[in-house]
């Protein structure tokens, strides 16, 4: 139960930080600062985001191995594939495309915009993957059919007399 909650916390941290940095902070930087300064700050933030993504991916791998024993193998494998795909997005973008973007920017050869577009698409794919599994694959408990549940409904306050009457 504790590992399930930690798994959910890691997923929320990973997905939330992806969305916050990529779709809130970076556009705000470019809207309010000059392009050079905004690009420098955004680059630093995306570097930190890449490191966080690698750490969250590793943590999710460990938590899936140790903390999802009650899951079916199919479910565990599906979530693991999404986690691996998200980590691969980070590796491809941060260690593959980002250095090429820096070289293109320094050379001024005009390929920076194309590389930035590719990097943005990879980031979008990673963000969509995060949305897909954070909402559907990381449930910590199965829904309880209240018609078969034992004991009172914890969300309703009932008097002992009403409980005895079955109301």
N, C-alpha and C. Protein backbone atom coordinates (compact mmCIF):
# COMPACT_ATOMS: atom_id res chain seq x y z
N UNK A 1 0.82 -1.19 0.00
CA UNK A 1 0.00 0.00 0.00
C UNK A 1 0.87 1.25 0.00
N UNK A 2 1.93 1.25 0.80
CA UNK A 2 2.81 2.41 0.85
C UNK A 2 3.54 2.56 -0.48
N UNK A 3 3.99 1.46 -1.05
CA UNK A 3 4.68 1.54 -2.33
C UNK A 3 3.76 2.02 -3.44
N UNK A 4 2.49 1.67 -3.37
CA UNK A 4 1.52 2.15 -4.35
C UNK A 4 1.38 3.67 -4.25
N UNK A 5 1.38 4.19 -3.04
CA UNK A 5 1.27 5.63 -2.86
C UNK A 5 2.55 6.34 -3.32
N UNK A 6 3.70 5.73 -3.08
CA UNK A 6 4.96 6.31 -3.55
C UNK A 6 4.99 6.29 -5.07
N UNK A 7 4.52 5.20 -5.66
CA UNK A 7 4.44 5.10 -7.12
C UNK A 7 3.57 6.22 -7.70
N UNK A 8 2.45 6.47 -7.07
CA UNK A 8 1.56 7.54 -7.52
C UNK A 8 2.21 8.91 -7.33
N UNK A 9 2.93 9.10 -6.25
CA UNK A 9 3.63 10.36 -6.00
C UNK A 9 4.70 10.60 -7.06
N UNK A 10 5.47 9.57 -7.39
CA UNK A 10 6.52 9.71 -8.42
C UNK A 10 5.88 10.02 -9.77
N UNK A 11 4.79 9.34 -10.09
CA UNK A 11 4.11 9.60 -11.36
C UNK A 11 3.59 11.03 -11.42
N UNK A 12 3.02 11.51 -10.32
CA UNK A 12 2.50 12.88 -10.28
C UNK A 12 3.63 13.89 -10.40
N UNK A 13 4.73 13.65 -9.71
CA UNK A 13 5.88 14.54 -9.79
C UNK A 13 6.41 14.59 -11.22
N UNK A 14 6.55 13.43 -11.84
CA UNK A 14 7.10 13.36 -13.19
C UNK A 14 6.18 14.05 -14.20
N UNK A 15 4.93 13.64 -14.21
CA UNK A 15 3.99 14.22 -15.18
C UNK A 15 3.76 15.71 -14.92
N UNK A 16 3.56 16.06 -13.66
CA UNK A 16 3.31 17.46 -13.33
C UNK A 16 4.46 18.37 -13.67
N UNK A 17 5.67 17.92 -13.41
CA UNK A 17 6.82 18.76 -13.74
C UNK A 17 7.02 18.87 -15.24
N UNK A 18 6.75 17.79 -15.97
CA UNK A 18 6.82 17.87 -17.44
C UNK A 18 5.87 18.94 -17.96
N UNK A 19 4.64 18.89 -17.48
CA UNK A 19 3.63 19.83 -17.95
C UNK A 19 3.93 21.25 -17.49
N UNK A 20 4.34 21.41 -16.25
CA UNK A 20 4.60 22.75 -15.73
C UNK A 20 5.76 23.43 -16.46
N UNK A 21 6.86 22.71 -16.61
CA UNK A 21 8.03 23.31 -17.26
C UNK A 21 7.78 23.56 -18.74
N UNK A 22 7.25 22.55 -19.43
CA UNK A 22 7.11 22.66 -20.87
C UNK A 22 5.98 23.54 -21.36
N UNK A 23 4.89 23.59 -20.61
CA UNK A 23 3.70 24.26 -21.12
C UNK A 23 3.26 25.47 -20.30
N UNK A 24 3.96 25.74 -19.22
CA UNK A 24 3.64 26.92 -18.42
C UNK A 24 4.86 27.82 -18.27
N UNK A 25 5.94 27.28 -17.75
CA UNK A 25 7.11 28.10 -17.44
C UNK A 25 7.84 28.56 -18.70
N UNK A 26 8.17 27.64 -19.60
CA UNK A 26 8.92 28.04 -20.80
C UNK A 26 8.17 29.07 -21.65
N UNK A 27 6.88 28.86 -21.95
CA UNK A 27 6.19 29.91 -22.71
C UNK A 27 6.13 31.25 -21.97
N UNK A 28 6.01 31.21 -20.65
CA UNK A 28 5.99 32.45 -19.87
C UNK A 28 7.33 33.16 -19.96
N UNK A 29 8.42 32.40 -19.91
CA UNK A 29 9.74 33.02 -20.04
C UNK A 29 9.88 33.75 -21.36
N UNK A 30 9.47 33.09 -22.45
CA UNK A 30 9.61 33.71 -23.76
C UNK A 30 8.65 34.87 -23.97
N UNK A 31 7.55 34.86 -23.25
CA UNK A 31 6.59 35.97 -23.36
C UNK A 31 7.01 37.19 -22.57
N UNK A 32 7.85 37.01 -21.55
CA UNK A 32 8.18 38.13 -20.67
C UNK A 32 9.63 38.60 -20.74
N UNK A 33 10.54 37.76 -21.19
CA UNK A 33 11.95 38.12 -21.23
C UNK A 33 12.43 38.21 -22.67
N UNK A 34 13.63 38.79 -22.85
CA UNK A 34 14.18 38.79 -24.21
C UNK A 34 14.57 37.35 -24.56
N UNK A 35 14.59 37.06 -25.85
CA UNK A 35 14.73 35.68 -26.33
C UNK A 35 16.01 35.00 -25.83
N UNK A 36 17.12 35.73 -25.79
CA UNK A 36 18.39 35.13 -25.39
C UNK A 36 18.34 34.68 -23.92
N UNK A 37 17.87 35.56 -23.06
CA UNK A 37 17.79 35.22 -21.64
C UNK A 37 16.75 34.12 -21.40
N UNK A 38 15.60 34.23 -22.06
CA UNK A 38 14.57 33.20 -21.91
C UNK A 38 15.08 31.85 -22.38
N UNK A 39 15.80 31.83 -23.50
CA UNK A 39 16.36 30.58 -24.01
C UNK A 39 17.39 29.98 -23.06
N UNK A 40 18.20 30.83 -22.47
CA UNK A 40 19.21 30.35 -21.52
C UNK A 40 18.55 29.74 -20.29
N UNK A 41 17.55 30.42 -19.72
CA UNK A 41 16.85 29.92 -18.54
C UNK A 41 16.07 28.66 -18.88
N UNK A 42 15.38 28.67 -20.02
CA UNK A 42 14.61 27.49 -20.42
C UNK A 42 15.53 26.29 -20.63
N UNK A 43 16.69 26.53 -21.24
CA UNK A 43 17.64 25.43 -21.44
C UNK A 43 18.09 24.82 -20.13
N UNK A 44 18.34 25.67 -19.14
CA UNK A 44 18.73 25.19 -17.81
C UNK A 44 17.58 24.40 -17.17
N UNK A 45 16.37 24.90 -17.33
CA UNK A 45 15.21 24.20 -16.75
C UNK A 45 14.98 22.85 -17.43
N UNK A 46 15.13 22.81 -18.76
CA UNK A 46 14.94 21.54 -19.46
C UNK A 46 16.04 20.54 -19.13
N UNK A 47 17.24 21.04 -18.83
CA UNK A 47 18.30 20.15 -18.36
C UNK A 47 17.91 19.54 -17.01
N UNK A 48 17.43 20.38 -16.10
CA UNK A 48 16.98 19.87 -14.79
C UNK A 48 15.81 18.92 -14.96
N UNK A 49 14.92 19.22 -15.89
CA UNK A 49 13.77 18.35 -16.15
C UNK A 49 14.23 17.00 -16.68
N UNK A 50 15.26 16.99 -17.52
CA UNK A 50 15.79 15.73 -18.05
C UNK A 50 16.36 14.87 -16.92
N UNK A 51 17.09 15.50 -16.02
CA UNK A 51 17.64 14.74 -14.89
C UNK A 51 16.53 14.21 -13.99
N UNK A 52 15.50 15.03 -13.75
CA UNK A 52 14.36 14.59 -12.97
C UNK A 52 13.65 13.43 -13.66
N UNK A 53 13.51 13.50 -14.97
CA UNK A 53 12.86 12.43 -15.73
C UNK A 53 13.64 11.13 -15.61
N UNK A 54 14.95 11.20 -15.70
CA UNK A 54 15.76 9.98 -15.56
C UNK A 54 15.61 9.40 -14.16
N UNK A 55 15.61 10.27 -13.15
CA UNK A 55 15.43 9.79 -11.78
C UNK A 55 14.05 9.20 -11.55
N UNK A 56 13.02 9.85 -12.06
CA UNK A 56 11.66 9.32 -11.91
C UNK A 56 11.49 8.02 -12.68
N UNK A 57 12.10 7.93 -13.84
CA UNK A 57 12.04 6.68 -14.61
C UNK A 57 12.69 5.53 -13.86
N UNK A 58 13.84 5.80 -13.26
CA UNK A 58 14.51 4.76 -12.48
C UNK A 58 13.68 4.37 -11.26
N UNK A 59 13.13 5.38 -10.58
CA UNK A 59 12.29 5.10 -9.41
C UNK A 59 11.06 4.30 -9.80
N UNK A 60 10.43 4.65 -10.93
CA UNK A 60 9.25 3.90 -11.37
C UNK A 60 9.61 2.46 -11.72
N UNK A 61 10.77 2.26 -12.31
CA UNK A 61 11.21 0.90 -12.61
C UNK A 61 11.34 0.06 -11.35
N UNK A 62 11.97 0.63 -10.34
CA UNK A 62 12.13 -0.08 -9.06
C UNK A 62 10.76 -0.32 -8.42
N UNK A 63 9.92 0.71 -8.42
CA UNK A 63 8.59 0.56 -7.80
C UNK A 63 7.72 -0.43 -8.55
N UNK A 64 7.86 -0.52 -9.85
CA UNK A 64 7.09 -1.51 -10.61
C UNK A 64 7.59 -2.92 -10.32
N UNK A 65 8.88 -3.05 -10.08
CA UNK A 65 9.43 -4.37 -9.78
C UNK A 65 9.03 -4.83 -8.38
N UNK A 66 9.15 -3.93 -7.40
CA UNK A 66 8.89 -4.33 -6.02
C UNK A 66 7.48 -4.00 -5.54
N UNK A 67 6.88 -2.94 -6.09
CA UNK A 67 5.62 -2.46 -5.53
C UNK A 67 4.39 -2.74 -6.34
N UNK A 68 4.50 -3.56 -7.38
CA UNK A 68 3.33 -3.85 -8.19
C UNK A 68 3.14 -5.36 -8.34
N UNK A 69 3.47 -6.07 -7.32
CA UNK A 69 3.37 -7.54 -7.37
C UNK A 69 1.92 -8.01 -7.49
N UNK A 70 0.98 -7.18 -7.02
CA UNK A 70 -0.42 -7.55 -7.10
C UNK A 70 -1.02 -7.26 -8.48
N UNK A 71 -0.28 -6.59 -9.35
CA UNK A 71 -0.75 -6.32 -10.70
C UNK A 71 -0.61 -7.56 -11.56
N UNK A 72 -1.38 -7.62 -12.62
CA UNK A 72 -1.20 -8.70 -13.58
C UNK A 72 0.08 -8.43 -14.36
N UNK A 73 0.72 -9.48 -14.86
CA UNK A 73 1.94 -9.25 -15.65
C UNK A 73 1.70 -8.35 -16.87
N UNK A 74 0.53 -8.46 -17.47
CA UNK A 74 0.20 -7.63 -18.63
C UNK A 74 0.16 -6.15 -18.25
N UNK A 75 -0.46 -5.85 -17.13
CA UNK A 75 -0.56 -4.46 -16.68
C UNK A 75 0.82 -3.91 -16.32
N UNK A 76 1.60 -4.70 -15.59
CA UNK A 76 2.95 -4.26 -15.20
C UNK A 76 3.81 -4.02 -16.44
N UNK A 77 3.73 -4.92 -17.41
CA UNK A 77 4.50 -4.79 -18.65
C UNK A 77 4.07 -3.54 -19.43
N UNK A 78 2.77 -3.28 -19.49
CA UNK A 78 2.27 -2.10 -20.22
C UNK A 78 2.78 -0.80 -19.60
N UNK A 79 2.72 -0.72 -18.28
CA UNK A 79 3.21 0.49 -17.61
C UNK A 79 4.72 0.61 -17.76
N UNK A 80 5.42 -0.51 -17.65
CA UNK A 80 6.87 -0.48 -17.82
C UNK A 80 7.25 -0.01 -19.23
N UNK A 81 6.51 -0.44 -20.24
CA UNK A 81 6.78 0.01 -21.61
C UNK A 81 6.58 1.52 -21.75
N UNK A 82 5.56 2.05 -21.10
CA UNK A 82 5.33 3.50 -21.15
C UNK A 82 6.46 4.23 -20.44
N UNK A 83 6.89 3.72 -19.29
CA UNK A 83 7.99 4.34 -18.55
C UNK A 83 9.26 4.32 -19.39
N UNK A 84 9.55 3.19 -20.01
CA UNK A 84 10.75 3.08 -20.85
C UNK A 84 10.64 4.04 -22.04
N UNK A 85 9.47 4.13 -22.65
CA UNK A 85 9.29 5.05 -23.77
C UNK A 85 9.52 6.50 -23.33
N UNK A 86 9.04 6.84 -22.14
CA UNK A 86 9.24 8.20 -21.64
C UNK A 86 10.72 8.48 -21.36
N UNK A 87 11.41 7.51 -20.80
CA UNK A 87 12.85 7.68 -20.55
C UNK A 87 13.60 7.80 -21.88
N UNK A 88 13.20 7.01 -22.87
CA UNK A 88 13.85 7.09 -24.17
C UNK A 88 13.60 8.45 -24.83
N UNK A 89 12.43 9.01 -24.63
CA UNK A 89 12.17 10.38 -25.11
C UNK A 89 13.15 11.36 -24.49
N UNK A 90 13.38 11.22 -23.19
CA UNK A 90 14.32 12.09 -22.50
C UNK A 90 15.73 11.91 -23.04
N UNK A 91 16.15 10.66 -23.19
CA UNK A 91 17.51 10.37 -23.66
C UNK A 91 17.69 10.91 -25.09
N UNK A 92 16.72 10.65 -25.96
CA UNK A 92 16.84 11.10 -27.34
C UNK A 92 16.89 12.62 -27.42
N UNK A 93 16.04 13.27 -26.67
CA UNK A 93 15.98 14.73 -26.74
C UNK A 93 17.18 15.37 -26.06
N UNK A 94 17.45 14.97 -24.84
CA UNK A 94 18.48 15.66 -24.06
C UNK A 94 19.90 15.32 -24.51
N UNK A 95 20.14 14.05 -24.80
CA UNK A 95 21.50 13.64 -25.14
C UNK A 95 21.74 13.55 -26.65
N UNK A 96 20.65 13.57 -27.43
CA UNK A 96 20.80 13.49 -28.87
C UNK A 96 20.54 14.83 -29.55
N UNK A 97 19.35 15.36 -29.37
CA UNK A 97 18.95 16.56 -30.11
C UNK A 97 19.47 17.84 -29.47
N UNK A 98 19.46 17.93 -28.14
CA UNK A 98 19.91 19.18 -27.50
C UNK A 98 21.36 19.55 -27.86
N UNK A 99 22.31 18.61 -27.86
CA UNK A 99 23.67 18.99 -28.30
C UNK A 99 23.71 19.45 -29.76
N UNK A 100 22.90 18.83 -30.61
CA UNK A 100 22.84 19.25 -32.01
C UNK A 100 22.23 20.65 -32.11
N UNK A 101 21.25 20.95 -31.26
CA UNK A 101 20.66 22.29 -31.25
C UNK A 101 21.69 23.33 -30.83
N UNK A 102 22.47 23.01 -29.81
CA UNK A 102 23.50 23.95 -29.36
C UNK A 102 24.53 24.19 -30.45
N UNK A 103 24.92 23.14 -31.16
CA UNK A 103 25.89 23.30 -32.25
C UNK A 103 25.30 24.11 -33.40
N UNK A 104 24.03 23.85 -33.71
CA UNK A 104 23.37 24.58 -34.80
C UNK A 104 23.23 26.06 -34.45
N UNK A 105 22.94 26.33 -33.19
CA UNK A 105 22.79 27.72 -32.76
C UNK A 105 24.13 28.45 -32.83
N UNK A 106 25.20 27.76 -32.40
CA UNK A 106 26.53 28.36 -32.43
C UNK A 106 27.01 28.58 -33.87
N UNK A 107 26.68 27.63 -34.75
CA UNK A 107 27.12 27.74 -36.14
C UNK A 107 26.24 28.70 -36.93
N UNK A 108 25.00 28.88 -36.49
CA UNK A 108 24.09 29.77 -37.20
C UNK A 108 23.72 29.23 -38.57
N UNK A 109 23.65 27.93 -38.70
CA UNK A 109 23.40 27.33 -40.02
C UNK A 109 21.91 27.19 -40.36
N UNK A 110 21.04 27.63 -39.49
CA UNK A 110 19.61 27.63 -39.80
C UNK A 110 18.88 26.34 -39.46
N UNK A 111 19.56 25.33 -38.97
CA UNK A 111 18.89 24.07 -38.64
C UNK A 111 18.35 24.06 -37.21
N UNK A 112 18.61 25.13 -36.46
CA UNK A 112 18.14 25.17 -35.07
C UNK A 112 16.62 25.05 -34.99
N UNK A 113 15.90 25.75 -35.83
CA UNK A 113 14.44 25.72 -35.80
C UNK A 113 13.88 24.33 -36.07
N UNK A 114 14.46 23.64 -37.04
CA UNK A 114 14.02 22.27 -37.35
C UNK A 114 14.29 21.35 -36.17
N UNK A 115 15.47 21.44 -35.60
CA UNK A 115 15.82 20.60 -34.45
C UNK A 115 14.95 20.93 -33.24
N UNK A 116 14.66 22.20 -33.05
CA UNK A 116 13.78 22.60 -31.95
C UNK A 116 12.39 22.02 -32.15
N UNK A 117 11.91 22.01 -33.37
CA UNK A 117 10.61 21.41 -33.67
C UNK A 117 10.59 19.92 -33.37
N UNK A 118 11.64 19.22 -33.74
CA UNK A 118 11.73 17.78 -33.44
C UNK A 118 11.74 17.56 -31.93
N UNK A 119 12.52 18.36 -31.22
CA UNK A 119 12.59 18.26 -29.77
C UNK A 119 11.23 18.54 -29.14
N UNK A 120 10.50 19.51 -29.67
CA UNK A 120 9.17 19.83 -29.15
C UNK A 120 8.19 18.68 -29.36
N UNK A 121 8.27 18.03 -30.50
CA UNK A 121 7.40 16.88 -30.78
C UNK A 121 7.71 15.74 -29.81
N UNK A 122 8.98 15.49 -29.57
CA UNK A 122 9.37 14.43 -28.62
C UNK A 122 8.85 14.77 -27.23
N UNK A 123 8.96 16.03 -26.83
CA UNK A 123 8.46 16.45 -25.52
C UNK A 123 6.95 16.29 -25.43
N UNK A 124 6.24 16.61 -26.51
CA UNK A 124 4.79 16.43 -26.55
C UNK A 124 4.42 14.96 -26.42
N UNK A 125 5.14 14.09 -27.12
CA UNK A 125 4.88 12.64 -27.01
C UNK A 125 5.10 12.19 -25.58
N UNK A 126 6.18 12.63 -24.96
CA UNK A 126 6.46 12.26 -23.58
C UNK A 126 5.36 12.77 -22.64
N UNK A 127 4.89 13.98 -22.87
CA UNK A 127 3.82 14.55 -22.05
C UNK A 127 2.52 13.78 -22.20
N UNK A 128 2.20 13.38 -23.43
CA UNK A 128 0.99 12.61 -23.67
C UNK A 128 1.09 11.21 -23.05
N UNK A 129 2.27 10.61 -23.14
CA UNK A 129 2.47 9.31 -22.48
C UNK A 129 2.26 9.44 -20.97
N UNK A 130 2.78 10.51 -20.40
CA UNK A 130 2.61 10.74 -18.95
C UNK A 130 1.14 10.88 -18.60
N UNK A 131 0.40 11.59 -19.42
CA UNK A 131 -1.03 11.76 -19.17
C UNK A 131 -1.79 10.46 -19.29
N UNK A 132 -1.37 9.63 -20.22
CA UNK A 132 -2.04 8.36 -20.44
C UNK A 132 -1.91 7.40 -19.29
N UNK A 133 -0.69 7.23 -18.78
CA UNK A 133 -0.56 6.24 -17.71
C UNK A 133 -0.77 6.80 -16.33
N UNK A 134 -0.57 8.10 -16.15
CA UNK A 134 -0.77 8.63 -14.80
C UNK A 134 -2.24 8.59 -14.42
N UNK A 135 -3.11 8.68 -15.38
CA UNK A 135 -4.53 8.66 -15.08
C UNK A 135 -5.17 7.29 -15.10
N UNK A 136 -4.58 6.36 -15.86
CA UNK A 136 -5.28 5.09 -16.03
C UNK A 136 -4.53 3.87 -15.53
N UNK A 137 -3.25 3.91 -15.44
CA UNK A 137 -2.49 2.70 -15.15
C UNK A 137 -1.93 2.63 -13.73
N UNK A 138 -2.07 3.68 -12.96
CA UNK A 138 -1.43 3.70 -11.65
C UNK A 138 -2.42 3.71 -10.50
N UNK A 139 -3.60 3.22 -10.74
CA UNK A 139 -4.61 3.21 -9.69
C UNK A 139 -4.08 2.44 -8.48
N UNK A 140 -4.31 2.99 -7.30
CA UNK A 140 -3.79 2.35 -6.10
C UNK A 140 -4.75 1.31 -5.55
N UNK A 141 -6.01 1.38 -5.89
CA UNK A 141 -6.97 0.41 -5.37
C UNK A 141 -8.08 0.22 -6.38
N UNK A 142 -8.72 -0.94 -6.31
CA UNK A 142 -9.85 -1.21 -7.18
C UNK A 142 -11.09 -0.58 -6.57
N UNK A 143 -12.03 -0.10 -7.40
CA UNK A 143 -13.26 0.46 -6.85
C UNK A 143 -14.05 -0.60 -6.11
N UNK A 144 -14.67 -0.19 -5.05
CA UNK A 144 -15.45 -1.10 -4.22
C UNK A 144 -16.91 -0.96 -4.60
N UNK A 145 -17.58 -2.10 -4.81
CA UNK A 145 -19.02 -2.09 -5.06
C UNK A 145 -19.70 -1.88 -3.72
N UNK A 146 -20.30 -0.70 -3.54
CA UNK A 146 -20.88 -0.36 -2.24
C UNK A 146 -22.02 -1.28 -1.88
N UNK A 147 -22.61 -1.97 -2.84
CA UNK A 147 -23.69 -2.89 -2.52
C UNK A 147 -23.20 -4.13 -1.80
N UNK A 148 -21.92 -4.48 -1.99
CA UNK A 148 -21.36 -5.67 -1.36
C UNK A 148 -20.36 -5.33 -0.27
N UNK A 149 -20.11 -4.06 -0.04
CA UNK A 149 -19.10 -3.65 0.94
C UNK A 149 -19.57 -3.96 2.35
N UNK A 150 -18.63 -4.28 3.19
CA UNK A 150 -18.91 -4.55 4.58
C UNK A 150 -18.75 -3.25 5.37
N UNK A 151 -19.63 -3.01 6.30
CA UNK A 151 -19.51 -1.85 7.17
C UNK A 151 -20.17 -0.62 6.58
N UNK A 152 -20.18 0.45 7.36
CA UNK A 152 -20.84 1.68 6.91
C UNK A 152 -20.01 2.40 5.85
N UNK A 153 -20.68 3.22 5.08
CA UNK A 153 -20.03 4.06 4.09
C UNK A 153 -19.28 5.16 4.84
N UNK A 154 -17.97 5.24 4.69
CA UNK A 154 -17.21 6.23 5.47
C UNK A 154 -17.52 7.67 5.07
N UNK A 155 -18.17 7.89 3.95
CA UNK A 155 -18.45 9.24 3.48
C UNK A 155 -19.80 9.74 3.97
N UNK A 156 -20.55 8.91 4.64
CA UNK A 156 -21.84 9.34 5.16
C UNK A 156 -21.85 9.16 6.67
N UNK A 157 -22.41 10.16 7.35
CA UNK A 157 -22.53 10.07 8.80
C UNK A 157 -23.91 9.49 9.09
N UNK A 158 -23.94 8.40 9.85
CA UNK A 158 -25.21 7.74 10.18
C UNK A 158 -25.29 7.55 11.68
N UNK A 159 -26.46 7.67 12.17
CA UNK A 159 -26.65 7.40 13.59
C UNK A 159 -26.69 5.89 13.80
N UNK A 160 -26.34 5.41 15.01
CA UNK A 160 -26.39 3.98 15.28
C UNK A 160 -27.77 3.38 15.03
N UNK A 161 -28.81 4.13 15.34
CA UNK A 161 -30.18 3.62 15.15
C UNK A 161 -30.46 3.37 13.66
N UNK A 162 -30.04 4.31 12.78
CA UNK A 162 -30.25 4.14 11.34
C UNK A 162 -29.40 2.98 10.81
N UNK A 163 -28.19 2.81 11.36
CA UNK A 163 -27.33 1.73 10.91
C UNK A 163 -27.95 0.38 11.26
N UNK A 164 -28.53 0.27 12.45
CA UNK A 164 -29.19 -0.98 12.85
C UNK A 164 -30.38 -1.29 11.97
N UNK A 165 -31.07 -0.26 11.54
CA UNK A 165 -32.24 -0.45 10.68
C UNK A 165 -31.83 -0.75 9.24
N UNK A 166 -30.53 -0.66 8.95
CA UNK A 166 -30.06 -0.94 7.60
C UNK A 166 -30.21 0.22 6.64
N UNK A 167 -30.39 1.42 7.18
CA UNK A 167 -30.58 2.60 6.32
C UNK A 167 -29.25 3.28 6.12
